[in-house]
Amino acid sequence: MTRKFDKLFDDWSKTYDQTVSGRDIEYKEVFEGYDDILLEVAKKAKGYIFEFGVGTGNLTEKMIKMEKEVYGIEPSKGMRNIARHKLPGATIVEGDFLEFPMPERNPDTIVSTYAFHHLTDAEKADAIQNFGKMLGEGGRIVFADTIFVSIEVKQDMIKEAESKQFNRLAADLKTEFYPTISTMNHLFGEAGFAVTFTQKNRFVWLMEATKKE
């Protein structure tokens, strides 16, 4: 995985929590229901949990408060520093979806929020295949991220952002690798997972994938 977004997130780490709270008007709809989305992911995580894209530790904190065991992975130094400051007892290591220090135990659940879109579709496929090797039968992946019903819907969202002069959001939608539901369904299926999709706001969907026999 390329780490081309690391500097962006190092810079964003200073204001990330303000953005997800809805104070940034351009991203308000993207993060609508943010706290509830994270809480739902946290509740669905079972056993030993790998969390990819810890960010400032918001999902990690919810899982720790539920007394869940979390192995956190975050590529951005700025984000890691804030998360470690907020959660001094948490295990948070440098790494990304494809390259990270593997602990001695395999996960029972893999979670991530607002992060998987940083990978190209080919990288997404590699990551999911690798997750399938780490997870045992019945192991789960629980992701919440921006995905689209179709390419046409994505293009409509870009046009809408441009019409509102939400230039940062429009550039984000053009630059990042936001997939379609059909693409994600295919990638999970190829790796031996049964997956469901539940829409949480206009942008974000909850993906729950269970490893088949």
C-alpha atoms as a PDB file:
ATOM      1  CA  MET A   1       0.000   0.000   0.000  1.00  0.00           C
ATOM      2  CA  THR A   2       1.317   3.425  -0.882  1.00  0.00           C
ATOM      3  CA  ARG A   3       1.477   5.839   2.023  1.00  0.00           C
ATOM      4  CA  LYS A   4       0.690   8.940  -0.031  1.00  0.00           C
ATOM      5  CA  PHE A   5      -2.052  10.008   2.394  1.00  0.00           C
ATOM      6  CA  ASP A   6       0.186  10.005   5.483  1.00  0.00           C
ATOM      7  CA  LYS A   7       1.098  13.700   5.335  1.00  0.00           C
ATOM      8  CA  LEU A   8      -2.523  14.643   4.755  1.00  0.00           C
ATOM      9  CA  PHE A   9      -3.523  12.782   7.900  1.00  0.00           C
ATOM     10  CA  ASP A  10      -0.581  14.109   9.893  1.00  0.00           C
ATOM     11  CA  ASP A  11      -1.857  17.599   9.077  1.00  0.00           C
ATOM     12  CA  TRP A  12      -5.527  16.666   9.596  1.00  0.00           C
ATOM     13  CA  SER A  13      -4.854  15.041  12.968  1.00  0.00           C
ATOM     14  CA  LYS A  14      -4.916  18.472  14.647  1.00  0.00           C
ATOM     15  CA  THR A  15      -8.522  19.159  13.591  1.00  0.00           C
ATOM     16  CA  TYR A  16      -9.866  15.661  12.857  1.00  0.00           C
ATOM     17  CA  ASP A  17     -12.053  15.433  15.951  1.00  0.00           C
ATOM     18  CA  GLN A  18     -13.608  18.805  15.121  1.00  0.00           C
ATOM     19  CA  THR A  19     -14.382  17.592  11.599  1.00  0.00           C
ATOM     20  CA  VAL A  20     -16.090  14.385  12.704  1.00  0.00           C
ATOM     21  CA  SER A  21     -18.171  16.343  15.222  1.00  0.00           C
ATOM     22  CA  GLY A  22     -19.893  18.100  12.309  1.00  0.00           C
ATOM     23  CA  ARG A  23     -18.240  21.510  12.581  1.00  0.00           C
ATOM     24  CA  ASP A  24     -16.878  21.293   9.020  1.00  0.00           C
ATOM     25  CA  ILE A  25     -19.912  22.062   6.841  1.00  0.00           C
ATOM     26  CA  GLU A  26     -18.433  20.332   3.758  1.00  0.00           C
ATOM     27  CA  TYR A  27     -18.109  17.026   5.576  1.00  0.00           C
ATOM     28  CA  LYS A  28     -21.138  17.307   7.855  1.00  0.00           C
ATOM     29  CA  GLU A  29     -23.181  14.740   5.909  1.00  0.00           C
ATOM     30  CA  VAL A  30     -20.222  12.371   5.588  1.00  0.00           C
ATOM     31  CA  PHE A  31     -19.915  12.238   9.375  1.00  0.00           C
ATOM     32  CA  GLU A  32     -23.630  12.390  10.172  1.00  0.00           C
ATOM     33  CA  GLY A  33     -24.308   9.924  12.974  1.00  0.00           C
ATOM     34  CA  TYR A  34     -20.564   9.413  13.468  1.00  0.00           C
ATOM     35  CA  ASP A  35     -20.767   8.492  17.141  1.00  0.00           C
ATOM     36  CA  ASP A  36     -23.617   6.031  16.595  1.00  0.00           C
ATOM     37  CA  ILE A  37     -21.795   4.435  13.643  1.00  0.00           C
ATOM     38  CA  LEU A  38     -18.679   3.878  15.730  1.00  0.00           C
ATOM     39  CA  LEU A  39     -20.742   2.547  18.608  1.00  0.00           C
ATOM     40  CA  GLU A  40     -22.465   0.028  16.328  1.00  0.00           C
ATOM     41  CA  VAL A  41     -19.118  -1.198  14.978  1.00  0.00           C
ATOM     42  CA  ALA A  42     -17.729  -1.458  18.514  1.00  0.00           C
ATOM     43  CA  LYS A  43     -20.697  -3.524  19.686  1.00  0.00           C
ATOM     44  CA  LYS A  44     -20.338  -5.951  16.764  1.00  0.00           C
ATOM     45  CA  ALA A  45     -16.634  -6.589  17.414  1.00  0.00           C
ATOM     46  CA  LYS A  46     -16.031  -9.859  19.277  1.00  0.00           C
ATOM     47  CA  GLY A  47     -12.993 -11.615  20.720  1.00  0.00           C
ATOM     48  CA  TYR A  48      -9.501 -10.383  19.854  1.00  0.00           C
ATOM     49  CA  ILE A  49      -9.897  -7.362  17.582  1.00  0.00           C
ATOM     50  CA  PHE A  50      -7.631  -5.856  14.929  1.00  0.00           C
ATOM     51  CA  GLU A  51      -8.525  -2.230  14.190  1.00  0.00           C
ATOM     52  CA  PHE A  52      -7.089  -0.696  11.020  1.00  0.00           C
ATOM     53  CA  GLY A  53      -6.951   3.095  10.678  1.00  0.00           C
ATOM     54  CA  VAL A  54      -7.202   3.962  14.363  1.00  0.00           C
ATOM     55  CA  GLY A  55      -7.006   7.694  13.616  1.00  0.00           C
ATOM     56  CA  THR A  56      -7.353   9.695  16.823  1.00  0.00           C
ATOM     57  CA  GLY A  57      -8.652   6.633  18.686  1.00  0.00           C
ATOM     58  CA  ASN A  58     -12.396   7.300  18.734  1.00  0.00           C
ATOM     59  CA  LEU A  59     -13.488   3.747  17.848  1.00  0.00           C
ATOM     60  CA  THR A  60     -10.648   2.291  19.914  1.00  0.00           C
ATOM     61  CA  GLU A  61     -11.860   4.200  22.952  1.00  0.00           C
ATOM     62  CA  LYS A  62     -15.389   2.822  22.632  1.00  0.00           C
ATOM     63  CA  MET A  63     -14.140  -0.747  22.384  1.00  0.00           C
ATOM     64  CA  ILE A  64     -11.775  -0.345  25.330  1.00  0.00           C
ATOM     65  CA  LYS A  65     -14.621   1.059  27.441  1.00  0.00           C
ATOM     66  CA  MET A  66     -16.510  -2.142  26.594  1.00  0.00           C
ATOM     67  CA  GLU A  67     -13.485  -4.029  27.971  1.00  0.00           C
ATOM     68  CA  LYS A  68     -12.616  -5.448  24.544  1.00  0.00           C
ATOM     69  CA  GLU A  69      -9.059  -6.383  23.587  1.00  0.00           C
ATOM     70  CA  VAL A  70      -7.901  -4.243  20.667  1.00  0.00           C
ATOM     71  CA  TYR A  71      -4.744  -4.307  18.548  1.00  0.00           C
ATOM     72  CA  GLY A  72      -4.702  -0.918  16.807  1.00  0.00           C
ATOM     73  CA  ILE A  73      -2.894  -0.155  13.536  1.00  0.00           C
ATOM     74  CA  GLU A  74      -2.425   3.395  12.192  1.00  0.00           C
ATOM     75  CA  PRO A  75      -0.037   4.700   9.493  1.00  0.00           C
ATOM     76  CA  SER A  76      -0.080   8.412  10.414  1.00  0.00           C
ATOM     77  CA  LYS A  77       2.360   9.494  13.118  1.00  0.00           C
ATOM     78  CA  GLY A  78       0.214  12.522  13.942  1.00  0.00           C
ATOM     79  CA  MET A  79      -2.881  10.403  14.397  1.00  0.00           C
ATOM     80  CA  ARG A  80      -1.006   7.788  16.434  1.00  0.00           C
ATOM     81  CA  ASN A  81       0.376  10.432  18.782  1.00  0.00           C
ATOM     82  CA  ILE A  82      -3.087  11.845  19.509  1.00  0.00           C
ATOM     83  CA  ALA A  83      -4.606   8.380  19.970  1.00  0.00           C
ATOM     84  CA  ARG A  84      -1.833   7.326  22.347  1.00  0.00           C
ATOM     85  CA  HIS A  85      -2.226  10.541  24.321  1.00  0.00           C
ATOM     86  CA  LYS A  86      -5.988   9.968  24.647  1.00  0.00           C
ATOM     87  CA  LEU A  87      -5.588   6.246  25.383  1.00  0.00           C
ATOM     88  CA  PRO A  88      -2.241   5.719  27.143  1.00  0.00           C
ATOM     89  CA  GLY A  89      -2.953   2.055  27.856  1.00  0.00           C
ATOM     90  CA  ALA A  90      -3.966   1.134  24.305  1.00  0.00           C
ATOM     91  CA  THR A  91      -1.877  -0.979  21.921  1.00  0.00           C
ATOM     92  CA  ILE A  92      -1.409   1.149  18.794  1.00  0.00           C
ATOM     93  CA  VAL A  93       1.322   0.309  16.283  1.00  0.00           C
ATOM     94  CA  GLU A  94       2.533   1.813  13.004  1.00  0.00           C
ATOM     95  CA  GLY A  95       1.167   0.046   9.949  1.00  0.00           C
ATOM     96  CA  ASP A  96      -1.572  -0.072   7.343  1.00  0.00           C
ATOM     97  CA  PHE A  97      -4.039  -2.550   5.880  1.00  0.00           C
ATOM     98  CA  LEU A  98      -1.338  -4.419   3.957  1.00  0.00           C
ATOM     99  CA  GLU A  99       1.825  -3.989   6.014  1.00  0.00           C
ATOM    100  CA  PHE A 100       1.776  -4.128   9.797  1.00  0.00           C
ATOM    101  CA  PRO A 101       3.546  -5.941  12.638  1.00  0.00           C
ATOM    102  CA  MET A 102       1.628  -9.158  13.228  1.00  0.00           C
ATOM    103  CA  PRO A 103       1.053 -10.038  16.896  1.00  0.00           C
ATOM    104  CA  GLU A 104       1.288 -13.596  18.183  1.00  0.00           C
ATOM    105  CA  ARG A 105      -2.479 -14.096  18.018  1.00  0.00           C
ATOM    106  CA  ASN A 106      -4.785 -14.070  15.023  1.00  0.00           C
ATOM    107  CA  PRO A 107      -7.877 -11.857  15.234  1.00  0.00           C
ATOM    108  CA  ASP A 108     -11.455 -12.950  15.738  1.00  0.00           C
ATOM    109  CA  THR A 109     -12.804  -9.657  14.333  1.00  0.00           C
ATOM    110  CA  ILE A 110     -11.279  -7.019  12.052  1.00  0.00           C
ATOM    111  CA  VAL A 111     -12.774  -3.531  12.217  1.00  0.00           C
ATOM    112  CA  SER A 112     -12.225  -0.211  10.500  1.00  0.00           C
ATOM    113  CA  THR A 113     -14.115   3.051  10.066  1.00  0.00           C
ATOM    114  CA  TYR A 114     -13.643   5.751   7.425  1.00  0.00           C
ATOM    115  CA  ALA A 115     -10.367   4.269   6.145  1.00  0.00           C
ATOM    116  CA  PHE A 116     -10.668   1.392   3.653  1.00  0.00           C
ATOM    117  CA  HIS A 117     -11.241   3.792   0.743  1.00  0.00           C
ATOM    118  CA  HIS A 118      -7.556   4.784   0.853  1.00  0.00           C
ATOM    119  CA  LEU A 119      -6.752   1.504  -0.914  1.00  0.00           C
ATOM    120  CA  THR A 120      -7.131   0.922  -4.641  1.00  0.00           C
ATOM    121  CA  ASP A 121      -9.521  -1.860  -5.590  1.00  0.00           C
ATOM    122  CA  ALA A 122      -6.540  -4.167  -6.195  1.00  0.00           C
ATOM    123  CA  GLU A 123      -5.168  -3.315  -2.743  1.00  0.00           C
ATOM    124  CA  LYS A 124      -8.600  -3.863  -1.210  1.00  0.00           C
ATOM    125  CA  ALA A 125      -8.654  -7.327  -2.783  1.00  0.00           C
ATOM    126  CA  ASP A 126      -5.195  -8.161  -1.400  1.00  0.00           C
ATOM    127  CA  ALA A 127      -6.172  -6.936   2.075  1.00  0.00           C
ATOM    128  CA  ILE A 128      -9.423  -8.926   2.184  1.00  0.00           C
ATOM    129  CA  GLN A 129      -7.682 -12.073   0.944  1.00  0.00           C
ATOM    130  CA  ASN A 130      -5.111 -11.650   3.708  1.00  0.00           C
ATOM    131  CA  PHE A 131      -7.851 -11.106   6.297  1.00  0.00           C
ATOM    132  CA  GLY A 132      -9.447 -14.349   5.146  1.00  0.00           C
ATOM    133  CA  LYS A 133      -6.211 -16.190   5.915  1.00  0.00           C
ATOM    134  CA  MET A 134      -5.992 -14.662   9.402  1.00  0.00           C
ATOM    135  CA  LEU A 135      -9.606 -15.227  10.423  1.00  0.00           C
ATOM    136  CA  GLY A 136     -10.981 -18.605  11.357  1.00  0.00           C
ATOM    137  CA  GLU A 137     -14.380 -19.963  10.350  1.00  0.00           C
ATOM    138  CA  GLY A 138     -17.025 -17.500  11.515  1.00  0.00           C
ATOM    139  CA  GLY A 139     -14.446 -14.715  11.846  1.00  0.00           C
ATOM    140  CA  ARG A 140     -15.847 -11.297  11.065  1.00  0.00           C
ATOM    141  CA  ILE A 141     -14.935  -8.083   9.287  1.00  0.00           C
ATOM    142  CA  VAL A 142     -16.950  -5.019  10.324  1.00  0.00           C
ATOM    143  CA  PHE A 143     -16.214  -1.901   8.289  1.00  0.00           C
ATOM    144  CA  ALA A 144     -17.995   1.440   8.051  1.00  0.00           C
ATOM    145  CA  ASP A 145     -16.938   3.574   5.116  1.00  0.00           C
ATOM    146  CA  THR A 146     -18.101   5.649   2.182  1.00  0.00           C
ATOM    147  CA  ILE A 147     -19.233   3.463  -0.693  1.00  0.00           C
ATOM    148  CA  PHE A 148     -21.754   4.025  -3.470  1.00  0.00           C
ATOM    149  CA  VAL A 149     -24.631   2.091  -4.975  1.00  0.00           C
ATOM    150  CA  SER A 150     -23.228   2.818  -8.449  1.00  0.00           C
ATOM    151  CA  ILE A 151     -20.685   4.909 -10.328  1.00  0.00           C
ATOM    152  CA  GLU A 152     -23.564   7.122 -11.442  1.00  0.00           C
ATOM    153  CA  VAL A 153     -24.533   7.878  -7.843  1.00  0.00           C
ATOM    154  CA  LYS A 154     -20.921   8.729  -7.050  1.00  0.00           C
ATOM    155  CA  GLN A 155     -20.752  11.117 -10.010  1.00  0.00           C
ATOM    156  CA  ASP A 156     -23.998  12.744  -8.892  1.00  0.00           C
ATOM    157  CA  MET A 157     -22.516  13.287  -5.424  1.00  0.00           C
ATOM    158  CA  ILE A 158     -19.461  14.949  -6.967  1.00  0.00           C
ATOM    159  CA  LYS A 159     -21.650  17.258  -9.045  1.00  0.00           C
ATOM    160  CA  GLU A 160     -23.728  18.119  -5.985  1.00  0.00           C
ATOM    161  CA  ALA A 161     -20.587  18.952  -3.982  1.00  0.00           C
ATOM    162  CA  GLU A 162     -19.332  21.179  -6.793  1.00  0.00           C
ATOM    163  CA  SER A 163     -22.683  22.958  -7.069  1.00  0.00           C
ATOM    164  CA  LYS A 164     -22.466  23.793  -3.350  1.00  0.00           C
ATOM    165  CA  GLN A 165     -18.854  24.896  -3.833  1.00  0.00           C
ATOM    166  CA  PHE A 166     -17.723  22.136  -1.485  1.00  0.00           C
ATOM    167  CA  ASN A 167     -14.441  22.003  -3.357  1.00  0.00           C
ATOM    168  CA  ARG A 168     -12.515  19.975  -0.777  1.00  0.00           C
ATOM    169  CA  LEU A 169     -15.238  17.325  -0.645  1.00  0.00           C
ATOM    170  CA  ALA A 170     -15.492  17.193  -4.449  1.00  0.00           C
ATOM    171  CA  ALA A 171     -11.712  16.781  -4.762  1.00  0.00           C
ATOM    172  CA  ASP A 172     -11.798  14.081  -2.096  1.00  0.00           C
ATOM    173  CA  LEU A 173     -14.512  12.139  -3.934  1.00  0.00           C
ATOM    174  CA  LYS A 174     -12.496  12.363  -7.160  1.00  0.00           C
ATOM    175  CA  THR A 175      -9.122  11.485  -5.619  1.00  0.00           C
ATOM    176  CA  GLU A 176      -9.834   8.715  -3.126  1.00  0.00           C
ATOM    177  CA  PHE A 177     -10.771   5.159  -4.131  1.00  0.00           C
ATOM    178  CA  TYR A 178     -14.407   4.997  -3.067  1.00  0.00           C
ATOM    179  CA  PRO A 179     -15.859   1.716  -4.379  1.00  0.00           C
ATOM    180  CA  THR A 180     -19.340   0.560  -5.334  1.00  0.00           C
ATOM    181  CA  ILE A 181     -21.360  -1.991  -3.397  1.00  0.00           C
ATOM    182  CA  SER A 182     -21.041  -4.456  -6.287  1.00  0.00           C
ATOM    183  CA  THR A 183     -17.250  -4.172  -6.180  1.00  0.00           C
ATOM    184  CA  MET A 184     -17.109  -4.765  -2.428  1.00  0.00           C
ATOM    185  CA  ASN A 185     -19.580  -7.648  -2.692  1.00  0.00           C
ATOM    186  CA  HIS A 186     -17.347  -9.263  -5.308  1.00  0.00           C
ATOM    187  CA  LEU A 187     -14.122  -8.758  -3.332  1.00  0.00           C
ATOM    188  CA  PHE A 188     -15.574 -10.237  -0.145  1.00  0.00           C
ATOM    189  CA  GLY A 189     -17.131 -13.135  -2.047  1.00  0.00           C
ATOM    190  CA  GLU A 190     -13.850 -13.974  -3.797  1.00  0.00           C
ATOM    191  CA  ALA A 191     -12.164 -14.186  -0.385  1.00  0.00           C
ATOM    192  CA  GLY A 192     -14.780 -16.570   1.021  1.00  0.00           C
ATOM    193  CA  PHE A 193     -16.959 -14.127   2.968  1.00  0.00           C
ATOM    194  CA  ALA A 194     -20.717 -13.636   3.096  1.00  0.00           C
ATOM    195  CA  VAL A 195     -21.358  -9.890   3.361  1.00  0.00           C
ATOM    196  CA  THR A 196     -24.253  -7.562   4.076  1.00  0.00           C
ATOM    197  CA  PHE A 197     -24.501  -3.805   3.523  1.00  0.00           C
ATOM    198  CA  THR A 198     -26.514  -1.347   5.620  1.00  0.00           C
ATOM    199  CA  GLN A 199     -26.683   2.358   4.780  1.00  0.00           C
ATOM    200  CA  LYS A 200     -25.964   4.639   7.770  1.00  0.00           C
ATOM    201  CA  ASN A 201     -26.075   8.074   6.081  1.00  0.00           C
ATOM    202  CA  ARG A 202     -25.922   9.439   2.529  1.00  0.00           C
ATOM    203  CA  PHE A 203     -22.270   8.447   2.222  1.00  0.00           C
ATOM    204  CA  VAL A 204     -21.448   5.731   4.739  1.00  0.00           C
ATOM    205  CA  TRP A 205     -22.439   2.067   4.716  1.00  0.00           C
ATOM    206  CA  LEU A 206     -21.852  -0.610   7.329  1.00  0.00           C
ATOM    207  CA  MET A 207     -20.260  -3.733   5.840  1.00  0.00           C
ATOM    208  CA  GLU A 208     -20.489  -6.968   7.858  1.00  0.00           C
ATOM    209  CA  ALA A 209     -18.604  -9.907   6.395  1.00  0.00           C
ATOM    210  CA  THR A 210     -18.469 -13.395   7.925  1.00  0.00           C
ATOM    211  CA  LYS A 211     -16.007 -16.051   6.828  1.00  0.00           C
ATOM    212  CA  LYS A 212     -17.791 -19.057   5.387  1.00  0.00           C
ATOM    213  CA  GLU A 213     -16.906 -22.715   5.969  1.00  0.00           C
END
